[in-house]
Amino acid sequence: SYLYYNRDEMEYNRIMKLILAVSGGVDSMALLAMYKQADIVVAHIDHGTRKSSAEDADFVRRKCQELGVKFYETKLELGEGVSEELARKKRYEFLKTIQEKEGGTLCTAHHLDDVLESIAINLIRGTGWRGLTPFYGDELVRPFIIAKMWKRDVLKFAGEQKICFRQDSTNHEADYLRNRVREKMAELDETARTDIINLFEKQNELRGRIEKLVTELAKQTVMGKNFHKKELFLTADKKVALEVLREICLMHGYSLTRKQLGDFLLAIKTYAPHKKFNLPKNHFVTILKNYIMFEEK
């Protein structure tokens, strides 16, 4: 079924440019093989976290030369022990620069096993409900996830196509949380894995509806460039109020933690008029009798 999906997608993507993030591992090399006849550009990131990473870059570079594919690379020198979050942030910053230069759509080789692992990691870290929808709304295309491909499907395709790839030695080191989670996820039976993915898809749909509603409610509070009515925050259910407050903060360029949002909501409800509430980076919002006022940035 995934090969049938690939043929349809290949016809569609002949008319658009794709920027493939290719590490040299089996997943990304399978992605490259799947789309090698399309209009593609390859981007490779050497995180500089292990000695063999330069060999990975050379491997991908030579494959792109063989295919006649434009190749971009960068070396980040992040060092051993760098957090997964920082590595991801720097990786996507580079991919965005390539997208700005080339145009087209960014594609990564994530598959359904990556979804399971990301949900589990988010739960371990104490996620809010958004953590149940990893990869949501980040404007990247993930063909293997769209095609409902598990790791085993990617490996099957790689075997059938006799794809060469590089093995990342850190994928088996217990020091990495994702590796430990991967081992546990492998113990799940087929029914449990499928049920989680079905819930993930339903949660994505629900998140879309929630965020649309929250955006509409946030807009209804706007009374001017920096002014918002307080009424909703005084009368609405706490969970609803927090979601709308989060959206309003994002409108003004502030990303608050759940605790910070809770403190902010309490301030709106209890502060005397004209008292100020501290926002990140030494910014303030003034609590008025009927409004809250964000300061100019």
C-alpha atoms as a PDB file:
ATOM      1  CA  SER A   1       0.000   0.000   0.000  1.00  0.00           C
ATOM      2  CA  TYR A   2       2.833   2.430   0.747  1.00  0.00           C
ATOM      3  CA  LEU A   3       4.322   1.878  -2.715  1.00  0.00           C
ATOM      4  CA  TYR A   4       0.943   2.702  -4.264  1.00  0.00           C
ATOM      5  CA  TYR A   5       0.838   5.859  -2.152  1.00  0.00           C
ATOM      6  CA  ASN A   6       4.350   6.681  -3.318  1.00  0.00           C
ATOM      7  CA  ARG A   7       3.376   6.480  -6.985  1.00  0.00           C
ATOM      8  CA  ASP A   8       0.472   8.875  -6.455  1.00  0.00           C
ATOM      9  CA  GLU A   9       2.634  11.254  -4.452  1.00  0.00           C
ATOM     10  CA  MET A  10       5.402  11.120  -7.015  1.00  0.00           C
ATOM     11  CA  GLU A  11       3.019  12.294  -9.737  1.00  0.00           C
ATOM     12  CA  TYR A  12       1.801  15.114  -7.493  1.00  0.00           C
ATOM     13  CA  ASN A  13       5.267  16.180  -6.430  1.00  0.00           C
ATOM     14  CA  ARG A  14       6.739  16.347  -9.924  1.00  0.00           C
ATOM     15  CA  ILE A  15       5.299  19.868 -10.101  1.00  0.00           C
ATOM     16  CA  MET A  16       6.771  21.071  -6.795  1.00  0.00           C
ATOM     17  CA  LYS A  17      10.184  21.232  -5.210  1.00  0.00           C
ATOM     18  CA  LEU A  18      10.900  19.129  -2.120  1.00  0.00           C
ATOM     19  CA  ILE A  19      13.691  19.766   0.376  1.00  0.00           C
ATOM     20  CA  LEU A  20      14.602  16.438   1.946  1.00  0.00           C
ATOM     21  CA  ALA A  21      16.359  16.313   5.306  1.00  0.00           C
ATOM     22  CA  VAL A  22      18.778  13.408   4.839  1.00  0.00           C
ATOM     23  CA  SER A  23      21.013  12.241   7.685  1.00  0.00           C
ATOM     24  CA  GLY A  24      22.366   9.129   5.961  1.00  0.00           C
ATOM     25  CA  GLY A  25      20.386   6.741   8.155  1.00  0.00           C
ATOM     26  CA  VAL A  26      18.035   4.129   6.750  1.00  0.00           C
ATOM     27  CA  ASP A  27      14.871   6.235   7.127  1.00  0.00           C
ATOM     28  CA  SER A  28      16.140   9.321   5.327  1.00  0.00           C
ATOM     29  CA  MET A  29      17.966   7.328   2.662  1.00  0.00           C
ATOM     30  CA  ALA A  30      14.688   5.490   1.980  1.00  0.00           C
ATOM     31  CA  LEU A  31      12.991   8.870   1.657  1.00  0.00           C
ATOM     32  CA  LEU A  32      15.650   9.977  -0.821  1.00  0.00           C
ATOM     33  CA  ALA A  33      15.180   6.784  -2.850  1.00  0.00           C
ATOM     34  CA  MET A  34      11.413   7.232  -2.844  1.00  0.00           C
ATOM     35  CA  TYR A  35      11.592  10.768  -4.235  1.00  0.00           C
ATOM     36  CA  LYS A  36      14.784  10.654  -6.326  1.00  0.00           C
ATOM     37  CA  GLN A  37      12.826  11.217  -9.548  1.00  0.00           C
ATOM     38  CA  ALA A  38      11.060  14.307  -8.175  1.00  0.00           C
ATOM     39  CA  ASP A  39      12.329  17.915  -8.101  1.00  0.00           C
ATOM     40  CA  ILE A  40      14.357  17.646  -4.900  1.00  0.00           C
ATOM     41  CA  VAL A  41      17.095  19.342  -2.913  1.00  0.00           C
ATOM     42  CA  VAL A  42      18.897  17.511  -0.103  1.00  0.00           C
ATOM     43  CA  ALA A  43      19.906  19.152   3.166  1.00  0.00           C
ATOM     44  CA  HIS A  44      22.295  17.429   5.586  1.00  0.00           C
ATOM     45  CA  ILE A  45      23.110  18.578   9.113  1.00  0.00           C
ATOM     46  CA  ASP A  46      26.309  17.431  10.810  1.00  0.00           C
ATOM     47  CA  HIS A  47      25.521  18.140  14.463  1.00  0.00           C
ATOM     48  CA  GLY A  48      29.143  17.640  15.432  1.00  0.00           C
ATOM     49  CA  THR A  49      28.160  15.361  18.306  1.00  0.00           C
ATOM     50  CA  ARG A  50      30.292  12.325  17.402  1.00  0.00           C
ATOM     51  CA  LYS A  51      33.506  11.609  15.525  1.00  0.00           C
ATOM     52  CA  SER A  52      31.882   9.594  12.724  1.00  0.00           C
ATOM     53  CA  SER A  53      29.468  12.381  11.738  1.00  0.00           C
ATOM     54  CA  ALA A  54      31.849  13.711   9.063  1.00  0.00           C
ATOM     55  CA  GLU A  55      31.683  10.298   7.389  1.00  0.00           C
ATOM     56  CA  ASP A  56      27.873  10.537   7.337  1.00  0.00           C
ATOM     57  CA  ALA A  57      28.088  13.893   5.580  1.00  0.00           C
ATOM     58  CA  ASP A  58      30.522  12.505   3.023  1.00  0.00           C
ATOM     59  CA  PHE A  59      28.259   9.492   2.410  1.00  0.00           C
ATOM     60  CA  VAL A  60      25.189  11.653   1.715  1.00  0.00           C
ATOM     61  CA  ARG A  61      27.214  14.103  -0.381  1.00  0.00           C
ATOM     62  CA  ARG A  62      28.521  11.321  -2.635  1.00  0.00           C
ATOM     63  CA  LYS A  63      25.027   9.842  -3.032  1.00  0.00           C
ATOM     64  CA  CYS A  64      23.671  13.220  -4.125  1.00  0.00           C
ATOM     65  CA  GLN A  65      26.508  13.590  -6.616  1.00  0.00           C
ATOM     66  CA  GLU A  66      25.631  10.158  -7.985  1.00  0.00           C
ATOM     67  CA  LEU A  67      21.980  11.168  -8.379  1.00  0.00           C
ATOM     68  CA  GLY A  68      22.747  14.660  -9.672  1.00  0.00           C
ATOM     69  CA  VAL A  69      20.851  16.237  -6.762  1.00  0.00           C
ATOM     70  CA  LYS A  70      21.662  19.665  -5.325  1.00  0.00           C
ATOM     71  CA  PHE A  71      23.178  19.224  -1.873  1.00  0.00           C
ATOM     72  CA  TYR A  72      23.413  21.589   1.094  1.00  0.00           C
ATOM     73  CA  GLU A  73      25.247  20.835   4.322  1.00  0.00           C
ATOM     74  CA  THR A  74      26.236  22.494   7.553  1.00  0.00           C
ATOM     75  CA  LYS A  75      28.321  21.510  10.564  1.00  0.00           C
ATOM     76  CA  LEU A  76      27.022  22.764  13.890  1.00  0.00           C
ATOM     77  CA  GLU A  77      29.753  21.636  16.340  1.00  0.00           C
ATOM     78  CA  LEU A  78      27.223  21.111  19.146  1.00  0.00           C
ATOM     79  CA  GLY A  79      29.480  18.637  20.969  1.00  0.00           C
ATOM     80  CA  GLU A  80      28.711  15.383  22.758  1.00  0.00           C
ATOM     81  CA  GLY A  81      25.865  15.372  25.260  1.00  0.00           C
ATOM     82  CA  VAL A  82      23.875  18.146  23.574  1.00  0.00           C
ATOM     83  CA  SER A  83      20.156  18.039  24.343  1.00  0.00           C
ATOM     84  CA  GLU A  84      17.777  16.647  21.751  1.00  0.00           C
ATOM     85  CA  GLU A  85      15.768  19.885  21.950  1.00  0.00           C
ATOM     86  CA  LEU A  86      18.736  22.102  21.070  1.00  0.00           C
ATOM     87  CA  ALA A  87      19.840  19.795  18.259  1.00  0.00           C
ATOM     88  CA  ARG A  88      16.319  19.842  16.798  1.00  0.00           C
ATOM     89  CA  LYS A  89      16.107  23.645  17.082  1.00  0.00           C
ATOM     90  CA  LYS A  90      19.416  24.165  15.267  1.00  0.00           C
ATOM     91  CA  ARG A  91      18.532  21.534  12.671  1.00  0.00           C
ATOM     92  CA  TYR A  92      15.248  23.185  11.739  1.00  0.00           C
ATOM     93  CA  GLU A  93      16.834  26.634  11.684  1.00  0.00           C
ATOM     94  CA  PHE A  94      19.197  25.386   8.977  1.00  0.00           C
ATOM     95  CA  LEU A  95      16.392  23.680   7.047  1.00  0.00           C
ATOM     96  CA  LYS A  96      14.415  26.925   7.082  1.00  0.00           C
ATOM     97  CA  THR A  97      17.350  28.827   5.593  1.00  0.00           C
ATOM     98  CA  ILE A  98      17.460  26.328   2.722  1.00  0.00           C
ATOM     99  CA  GLN A  99      13.716  26.652   2.232  1.00  0.00           C
ATOM    100  CA  GLU A 100      14.007  30.448   2.081  1.00  0.00           C
ATOM    101  CA  LYS A 101      16.710  30.118  -0.562  1.00  0.00           C
ATOM    102  CA  GLU A 102      15.187  27.347  -2.677  1.00  0.00           C
ATOM    103  CA  GLY A 103      11.473  27.567  -2.009  1.00  0.00           C
ATOM    104  CA  GLY A 104       9.549  24.301  -1.900  1.00  0.00           C
ATOM    105  CA  THR A 105       8.371  22.032   0.904  1.00  0.00           C
ATOM    106  CA  LEU A 106      10.461  20.621   3.740  1.00  0.00           C
ATOM    107  CA  CYS A 107      10.218  16.842   4.140  1.00  0.00           C
ATOM    108  CA  THR A 108      11.528  14.603   6.907  1.00  0.00           C
ATOM    109  CA  ALA A 109      11.636  10.811   7.218  1.00  0.00           C
ATOM    110  CA  HIS A 110       9.633  10.448  10.447  1.00  0.00           C
ATOM    111  CA  HIS A 111       7.371   7.402  10.577  1.00  0.00           C
ATOM    112  CA  LEU A 112       4.677   6.105  12.934  1.00  0.00           C
ATOM    113  CA  ASP A 113       7.184   4.682  15.428  1.00  0.00           C
ATOM    114  CA  ASP A 114       8.527   8.230  15.826  1.00  0.00           C
ATOM    115  CA  VAL A 115       5.004   9.373  16.694  1.00  0.00           C
ATOM    116  CA  LEU A 116       4.722   6.738  19.445  1.00  0.00           C
ATOM    117  CA  GLU A 117       8.132   7.645  20.856  1.00  0.00           C
ATOM    118  CA  SER A 118       7.431  11.383  20.823  1.00  0.00           C
ATOM    119  CA  ILE A 119       4.104  10.964  22.622  1.00  0.00           C
ATOM    120  CA  ALA A 120       5.748   8.770  25.269  1.00  0.00           C
ATOM    121  CA  ILE A 121       8.614  11.237  25.782  1.00  0.00           C
ATOM    122  CA  ASN A 122       6.181  14.141  26.089  1.00  0.00           C
ATOM    123  CA  LEU A 123       4.180  12.230  28.704  1.00  0.00           C
ATOM    124  CA  ILE A 124       7.348  11.415  30.658  1.00  0.00           C
ATOM    125  CA  ARG A 125       8.238  15.114  30.673  1.00  0.00           C
ATOM    126  CA  GLY A 126       4.815  16.110  31.985  1.00  0.00           C
ATOM    127  CA  THR A 127       3.176  17.315  28.793  1.00  0.00           C
ATOM    128  CA  GLY A 128      -0.034  19.243  28.502  1.00  0.00           C
ATOM    129  CA  TRP A 129      -2.648  17.998  26.058  1.00  0.00           C
ATOM    130  CA  ARG A 130      -0.740  19.415  23.072  1.00  0.00           C
ATOM    131  CA  GLY A 131       2.050  16.941  23.749  1.00  0.00           C
ATOM    132  CA  LEU A 132      -0.273  14.198  22.488  1.00  0.00           C
ATOM    133  CA  THR A 133      -0.041  15.713  18.990  1.00  0.00           C
ATOM    134  CA  PRO A 134       3.683  15.761  18.145  1.00  0.00           C
ATOM    135  CA  PHE A 135       4.673  17.389  14.831  1.00  0.00           C
ATOM    136  CA  TYR A 136       1.393  19.340  14.748  1.00  0.00           C
ATOM    137  CA  GLY A 137       1.390  22.516  12.674  1.00  0.00           C
ATOM    138  CA  ASP A 138       5.144  22.789  12.049  1.00  0.00           C
ATOM    139  CA  GLU A 139       4.710  23.126   8.259  1.00  0.00           C
ATOM    140  CA  LEU A 140       6.860  20.093   7.451  1.00  0.00           C
ATOM    141  CA  VAL A 141       5.651  17.180   5.347  1.00  0.00           C
ATOM    142  CA  ARG A 142       6.267  13.676   6.645  1.00  0.00           C
ATOM    143  CA  PRO A 143       5.414  11.276   3.802  1.00  0.00           C
ATOM    144  CA  PHE A 144       5.925   8.098   5.841  1.00  0.00           C
ATOM    145  CA  ILE A 145       3.478   9.246   8.510  1.00  0.00           C
ATOM    146  CA  ILE A 146       0.920  10.328   5.904  1.00  0.00           C
ATOM    147  CA  ALA A 147       1.302   6.897   4.286  1.00  0.00           C
ATOM    148  CA  LYS A 148       0.874   5.242   7.730  1.00  0.00           C
ATOM    149  CA  MET A 149       4.267   3.539   7.491  1.00  0.00           C
ATOM    150  CA  TRP A 150       5.915   1.976  10.529  1.00  0.00           C
ATOM    151  CA  LYS A 151       9.657   1.483  10.860  1.00  0.00           C
ATOM    152  CA  ARG A 152       9.246  -2.075   9.612  1.00  0.00           C
ATOM    153  CA  ASP A 153       7.651  -0.748   6.411  1.00  0.00           C
ATOM    154  CA  VAL A 154      10.566   1.615   5.854  1.00  0.00           C
ATOM    155  CA  LEU A 155      13.022  -1.242   6.424  1.00  0.00           C
ATOM    156  CA  LYS A 156      11.099  -3.456   4.016  1.00  0.00           C
ATOM    157  CA  PHE A 157      11.193  -0.766   1.337  1.00  0.00           C
ATOM    158  CA  ALA A 158      14.910  -0.179   1.977  1.00  0.00           C
ATOM    159  CA  GLY A 159      15.598  -3.890   1.624  1.00  0.00           C
ATOM    160  CA  GLU A 160      13.600  -4.216  -1.572  1.00  0.00           C
ATOM    161  CA  GLN A 161      15.394  -1.231  -3.091  1.00  0.00           C
ATOM    162  CA  LYS A 162      18.815  -2.403  -1.799  1.00  0.00           C
ATOM    163  CA  ILE A 163      19.379   0.985  -0.185  1.00  0.00           C
ATOM    164  CA  CYS A 164      22.771   1.671   1.406  1.00  0.00           C
ATOM    165  CA  PHE A 165      22.792   3.710   4.602  1.00  0.00           C
ATOM    166  CA  ARG A 166      24.860   4.707   7.610  1.00  0.00           C
ATOM    167  CA  GLN A 167      24.104   3.383  11.093  1.00  0.00           C
ATOM    168  CA  ASP A 168      24.204   5.979  13.905  1.00  0.00           C
ATOM    169  CA  SER A 169      25.967   4.273  16.832  1.00  0.00           C
ATOM    170  CA  THR A 170      24.181   6.524  19.354  1.00  0.00           C
ATOM    171  CA  ASN A 171      20.834   4.943  18.415  1.00  0.00           C
ATOM    172  CA  HIS A 172      21.619   2.135  20.866  1.00  0.00           C
ATOM    173  CA  GLU A 173      23.114   4.115  23.759  1.00  0.00           C
ATOM    174  CA  ALA A 174      21.027   3.951  26.940  1.00  0.00           C
ATOM    175  CA  ASP A 175      22.070   7.511  27.914  1.00  0.00           C
ATOM    176  CA  TYR A 176      19.532   8.884  25.449  1.00  0.00           C
ATOM    177  CA  LEU A 177      15.920   9.027  26.635  1.00  0.00           C
ATOM    178  CA  ARG A 178      14.566   8.386  23.133  1.00  0.00           C
ATOM    179  CA  ASN A 179      16.551   5.161  22.863  1.00  0.00           C
ATOM    180  CA  ARG A 180      15.206   3.896  26.199  1.00  0.00           C
ATOM    181  CA  VAL A 181      11.668   4.805  25.135  1.00  0.00           C
ATOM    182  CA  ARG A 182      12.187   3.084  21.775  1.00  0.00           C
ATOM    183  CA  GLU A 183      13.001  -0.178  23.528  1.00  0.00           C
ATOM    184  CA  LYS A 184       9.825   0.029  25.617  1.00  0.00           C
ATOM    185  CA  MET A 185       7.642   0.955  22.640  1.00  0.00           C
ATOM    186  CA  ALA A 186       8.921  -2.137  20.817  1.00  0.00           C
ATOM    187  CA  GLU A 187       7.266  -4.253  23.523  1.00  0.00           C
ATOM    188  CA  LEU A 188       3.773  -2.996  22.613  1.00  0.00           C
ATOM    189  CA  ASP A 189       1.620  -5.412  20.656  1.00  0.00           C
ATOM    190  CA  GLU A 190       0.149  -4.493  17.276  1.00  0.00           C
ATOM    191  CA  THR A 191      -3.294  -3.635  18.659  1.00  0.00           C
ATOM    192  CA  ALA A 192      -1.923  -1.220  21.241  1.00  0.00           C
ATOM    193  CA  ARG A 193       0.305   0.510  18.691  1.00  0.00           C
ATOM    194  CA  THR A 194      -2.562   0.919  16.242  1.00  0.00           C
ATOM    195  CA  ASP A 195      -4.912   2.184  18.958  1.00  0.00           C
ATOM    196  CA  ILE A 196      -2.399   4.877  19.975  1.00  0.00           C
ATOM    197  CA  ILE A 197      -2.017   6.053  16.376  1.00  0.00           C
ATOM    198  CA  ASN A 198      -5.807   6.179  15.964  1.00  0.00           C
ATOM    199  CA  LEU A 199      -6.055   8.301  19.123  1.00  0.00           C
ATOM    200  CA  PHE A 200      -3.228  10.495  17.836  1.00  0.00           C
ATOM    201  CA  GLU A 201      -5.138  11.180  14.614  1.00  0.00           C
ATOM    202  CA  LYS A 202      -8.346  11.967  16.520  1.00  0.00           C
ATOM    203  CA  GLN A 203      -6.406  14.245  18.857  1.00  0.00           C
ATOM    204  CA  ASN A 204      -4.975  16.104  15.863  1.00  0.00           C
ATOM    205  CA  GLU A 205      -8.485  16.740  14.565  1.00  0.00           C
ATOM    206  CA  LEU A 206      -9.667  17.816  18.013  1.00  0.00           C
ATOM    207  CA  ARG A 207      -6.675  20.126  18.440  1.00  0.00           C
ATOM    208  CA  GLY A 208      -7.492  21.829  15.155  1.00  0.00           C
ATOM    209  CA  ARG A 209     -11.073  22.516  16.284  1.00  0.00           C
ATOM    210  CA  ILE A 210      -9.963  23.686  19.738  1.00  0.00           C
ATOM    211  CA  GLU A 211      -7.328  26.049  18.421  1.00  0.00           C
ATOM    212  CA  LYS A 212      -9.734  27.542  15.898  1.00  0.00           C
ATOM    213  CA  LEU A 213     -12.270  28.207  18.668  1.00  0.00           C
ATOM    214  CA  VAL A 214      -9.617  29.593  21.016  1.00  0.00           C
ATOM    215  CA  THR A 215      -8.363  31.961  18.312  1.00  0.00           C
ATOM    216  CA  GLU A 216     -11.902  33.237  17.748  1.00  0.00           C
ATOM    217  CA  LEU A 217     -12.426  33.792  21.489  1.00  0.00           C
ATOM    218  CA  ALA A 218      -9.074  35.595  21.786  1.00  0.00           C
ATOM    219  CA  LYS A 219     -10.002  37.950  18.943  1.00  0.00           C
ATOM    220  CA  GLN A 220     -13.269  38.773  20.712  1.00  0.00           C
ATOM    221  CA  THR A 221     -11.309  40.160  23.671  1.00  0.00           C
ATOM    222  CA  VAL A 222      -9.355  42.645  21.528  1.00  0.00           C
ATOM    223  CA  MET A 223     -10.235  46.295  22.201  1.00  0.00           C
ATOM    224  CA  GLY A 224      -7.250  47.927  20.531  1.00  0.00           C
ATOM    225  CA  LYS A 225      -3.650  47.254  19.593  1.00  0.00           C
ATOM    226  CA  ASN A 226      -2.589  46.374  23.151  1.00  0.00           C
ATOM    227  CA  PHE A 227      -5.896  46.211  25.048  1.00  0.00           C
ATOM    228  CA  HIS A 228      -8.010  43.137  25.879  1.00  0.00           C
ATOM    229  CA  LYS A 229     -11.301  42.884  27.789  1.00  0.00           C
ATOM    230  CA  LYS A 230     -11.055  41.066  31.147  1.00  0.00           C
ATOM    231  CA  GLU A 231     -14.608  39.695  31.203  1.00  0.00           C
ATOM    232  CA  LEU A 232     -13.869  36.303  29.653  1.00  0.00           C
ATOM    233  CA  PHE A 233     -11.063  35.620  32.140  1.00  0.00           C
ATOM    234  CA  LEU A 234     -13.331  36.438  35.070  1.00  0.00           C
ATOM    235  CA  THR A 235     -16.294  34.315  33.977  1.00  0.00           C
ATOM    236  CA  ALA A 236     -15.082  31.438  31.793  1.00  0.00           C
ATOM    237  CA  ASP A 237     -14.032  27.972  32.949  1.00  0.00           C
ATOM    238  CA  LYS A 238     -10.407  28.067  34.095  1.00  0.00           C
ATOM    239  CA  LYS A 239      -9.180  25.717  31.368  1.00  0.00           C
ATOM    240  CA  VAL A 240     -10.850  27.807  28.681  1.00  0.00           C
ATOM    241  CA  ALA A 241      -9.522  31.032  30.194  1.00  0.00           C
ATOM    242  CA  LEU A 242      -5.973  29.666  30.262  1.00  0.00           C
ATOM    243  CA  GLU A 243      -6.162  28.587  26.618  1.00  0.00           C
ATOM    244  CA  VAL A 244      -7.416  32.004  25.520  1.00  0.00           C
ATOM    245  CA  LEU A 245      -4.807  33.748  27.660  1.00  0.00           C
ATOM    246  CA  ARG A 246      -2.094  31.608  26.068  1.00  0.00           C
ATOM    247  CA  GLU A 247      -3.320  32.625  22.611  1.00  0.00           C
ATOM    248  CA  ILE A 248      -3.375  36.315  23.544  1.00  0.00           C
ATOM    249  CA  CYS A 249       0.176  36.121  24.872  1.00  0.00           C
ATOM    250  CA  LEU A 250       1.307  34.486  21.630  1.00  0.00           C
ATOM    251  CA  MET A 251      -0.412  37.297  19.695  1.00  0.00           C
ATOM    252  CA  HIS A 252       1.886  39.718  21.524  1.00  0.00           C
ATOM    253  CA  GLY A 253       4.999  37.557  21.090  1.00  0.00           C
ATOM    254  CA  TYR A 254       5.170  35.927  24.540  1.00  0.00           C
ATOM    255  CA  SER A 255       5.396  32.172  25.144  1.00  0.00           C
ATOM    256  CA  LEU A 256       4.496  31.415  28.768  1.00  0.00           C
ATOM    257  CA  THR A 257       4.756  28.162  30.695  1.00  0.00           C
ATOM    258  CA  ARG A 258       1.639  26.637  32.235  1.00  0.00           C
ATOM    259  CA  LYS A 259       2.667  27.964  35.643  1.00  0.00           C
ATOM    260  CA  GLN A 260       3.245  31.452  34.267  1.00  0.00           C
ATOM    261  CA  LEU A 261      -0.145  31.397  32.579  1.00  0.00           C
ATOM    262  CA  GLY A 262      -1.767  30.311  35.855  1.00  0.00           C
ATOM    263  CA  ASP A 263      -0.073  33.163  37.702  1.00  0.00           C
ATOM    264  CA  PHE A 264      -1.129  35.609  34.981  1.00  0.00           C
ATOM    265  CA  LEU A 265      -4.770  34.488  35.172  1.00  0.00           C
ATOM    266  CA  LEU A 266      -4.723  34.858  38.963  1.00  0.00           C
ATOM    267  CA  ALA A 267      -3.304  38.362  38.565  1.00  0.00           C
ATOM    268  CA  ILE A 268      -6.091  39.325  36.163  1.00  0.00           C
ATOM    269  CA  LYS A 269      -8.658  38.148  38.705  1.00  0.00           C
ATOM    270  CA  THR A 270      -7.108  39.600  41.865  1.00  0.00           C
ATOM    271  CA  TYR A 271      -4.780  42.540  41.105  1.00  0.00           C
ATOM    272  CA  ALA A 272      -5.942  46.038  41.975  1.00  0.00           C
ATOM    273  CA  PRO A 273      -6.347  48.359  38.955  1.00  0.00           C
ATOM    274  CA  HIS A 274      -3.095  49.698  37.458  1.00  0.00           C
ATOM    275  CA  LYS A 275      -0.932  47.040  39.084  1.00  0.00           C
ATOM    276  CA  LYS A 276       1.559  45.452  36.694  1.00  0.00           C
ATOM    277  CA  PHE A 277       2.234  41.763  36.054  1.00  0.00           C
ATOM    278  CA  ASN A 278       5.723  40.661  35.001  1.00  0.00           C
ATOM    279  CA  LEU A 279       6.095  38.964  31.637  1.00  0.00           C
ATOM    280  CA  PRO A 280       9.270  37.237  30.352  1.00  0.00           C
ATOM    281  CA  LYS A 281      12.337  39.360  29.480  1.00  0.00           C
ATOM    282  CA  ASN A 282      11.370  42.239  31.779  1.00  0.00           C
ATOM    283  CA  HIS A 283       8.163  43.139  29.979  1.00  0.00           C
ATOM    284  CA  PHE A 284       4.924  43.999  31.746  1.00  0.00           C
ATOM    285  CA  VAL A 285       1.173  43.959  31.334  1.00  0.00           C
ATOM    286  CA  THR A 286      -0.988  46.399  33.259  1.00  0.00           C
ATOM    287  CA  ILE A 287      -4.152  45.114  34.931  1.00  0.00           C
ATOM    288  CA  LEU A 288      -6.919  47.722  34.627  1.00  0.00           C
ATOM    289  CA  LYS A 289     -10.472  47.653  35.959  1.00  0.00           C
ATOM    290  CA  ASN A 290     -12.042  46.170  32.836  1.00  0.00           C
ATOM    291  CA  TYR A 291      -9.042  45.545  30.601  1.00  0.00           C
ATOM    292  CA  ILE A 292      -5.504  44.241  30.477  1.00  0.00           C
ATOM    293  CA  MET A 293      -2.929  46.332  28.626  1.00  0.00           C
ATOM    294  CA  PHE A 294       0.266  44.933  27.095  1.00  0.00           C
ATOM    295  CA  GLU A 295       3.151  47.350  26.918  1.00  0.00           C
ATOM    296  CA  GLU A 296       4.686  48.273  23.562  1.00  0.00           C
ATOM    297  CA  LYS A 297       7.634  46.064  22.633  1.00  0.00           C
END
